[in-house]
Amino acid sequence: MIMRWLTCGTGSVHIVGTCPDCYATQGGLLLGTAAAGYAGRVTAKCVDCGKSIDYYVDSAVEKIWKLDPVESKGVKIEH
């Protein structure tokens, strides 16, 4: 999957790409927005099926990483 950057004249950047769940059947399009210069988590939502996918973006260098959840367990440690 290829995600694309679109720079908006209002100081925002948009990430756009195909939805892995519905692209073949509905033409799904993922869309997310962040401020120019932002680095952090962005949730892109499919405009066709509504699925959300989280990405880590660094808009200053136009890099995008897909965030995949991992299983975790907590434990309390006494000092």
Protein backbone atom coordinates (compact mmCIF):
# COMPACT_ATOMS: atom_id res chain seq x y z
CA MET A 1 0.00 0.00 0.00
CA ILE A 2 1.25 3.47 -0.84
CA MET A 3 0.16 6.47 1.20
CA ARG A 4 0.43 9.94 -0.34
CA TRP A 5 0.98 13.40 1.18
CA LEU A 6 -1.18 16.33 0.15
CA THR A 7 -0.16 19.74 1.47
CA CYS A 8 -3.03 22.13 2.07
CA GLY A 9 -2.72 25.91 1.89
CA THR A 10 -4.21 26.18 5.39
CA GLY A 11 -1.10 24.73 7.07
CA SER A 12 -2.35 21.15 7.14
CA VAL A 13 -1.16 17.98 5.48
CA HIS A 14 -3.42 15.12 4.46
CA ILE A 15 -2.44 11.48 4.16
CA VAL A 16 -4.38 9.58 1.53
CA GLY A 17 -4.27 5.92 0.53
CA THR A 18 -6.31 2.88 -0.39
CA CYS A 19 -8.27 1.00 2.27
CA PRO A 20 -6.95 -2.55 2.62
CA ASP A 21 -10.40 -3.82 3.65
CA CYS A 22 -12.67 -2.49 0.94
CA TYR A 23 -10.60 -1.11 -1.93
CA ALA A 24 -11.35 -4.09 -4.22
CA THR A 25 -15.11 -3.94 -3.65
CA GLN A 26 -15.93 -0.30 -2.86
CA GLY A 27 -12.88 1.67 -3.99
CA GLY A 28 -12.11 2.54 -0.35
CA LEU A 29 -10.06 5.66 0.34
CA LEU A 30 -8.25 6.35 3.64
CA LEU A 31 -7.97 9.99 4.68
CA GLY A 32 -6.18 11.54 7.67
CA THR A 33 -5.15 15.11 8.52
CA ALA A 34 -2.37 16.66 10.60
CA ALA A 35 -0.80 20.07 11.04
CA ALA A 36 2.27 20.89 8.95
CA GLY A 37 5.39 20.04 10.96
CA TYR A 38 3.47 17.59 13.18
CA ALA A 39 5.08 14.34 14.35
CA GLY A 40 2.84 11.83 16.09
CA ARG A 41 -0.18 9.57 15.75
CA VAL A 42 -2.78 10.21 13.05
CA THR A 43 -5.90 8.13 12.54
CA ALA A 44 -6.92 7.74 8.90
CA LYS A 45 -10.53 6.77 8.27
CA CYS A 46 -11.95 5.10 5.17
CA VAL A 47 -14.57 7.31 3.54
CA ASP A 48 -16.36 4.21 2.18
CA CYS A 49 -16.42 1.52 4.91
CA GLY A 50 -15.54 3.65 7.96
CA LYS A 51 -12.56 1.52 9.09
CA SER A 52 -9.88 3.46 11.00
CA ILE A 53 -6.15 2.77 10.76
CA ASP A 54 -3.53 4.44 12.95
CA TYR A 55 -0.28 5.80 11.55
CA TYR A 56 2.73 7.54 13.03
CA VAL A 57 3.62 10.49 10.81
CA ASP A 58 6.48 12.96 10.65
CA SER A 59 5.20 15.61 8.30
CA ALA A 60 8.47 17.58 8.34
CA VAL A 61 10.19 14.74 6.45
CA GLU A 62 7.02 13.22 4.89
CA LYS A 63 7.40 9.78 6.49
CA ILE A 64 4.53 7.51 7.52
CA TRP A 65 4.63 4.29 9.57
CA LYS A 66 1.61 2.04 10.11
CA LEU A 67 0.92 1.37 13.79
CA ASP A 68 -0.07 -2.19 14.59
CA PRO A 69 -1.36 -3.02 18.06
CA VAL A 70 0.55 -5.59 20.09
CA GLU A 71 -0.66 -7.68 23.01
CA SER A 72 0.57 -6.45 26.36
CA LYS A 73 0.19 -7.36 30.02
CA GLY A 74 0.80 -5.18 33.03
CA VAL A 75 2.43 -6.08 36.30
CA LYS A 76 2.95 -4.00 39.45
CA ILE A 77 6.49 -3.92 40.80
CA GLU A 78 7.06 -3.00 44.45
CA HIS A 79 10.30 -1.18 45.39
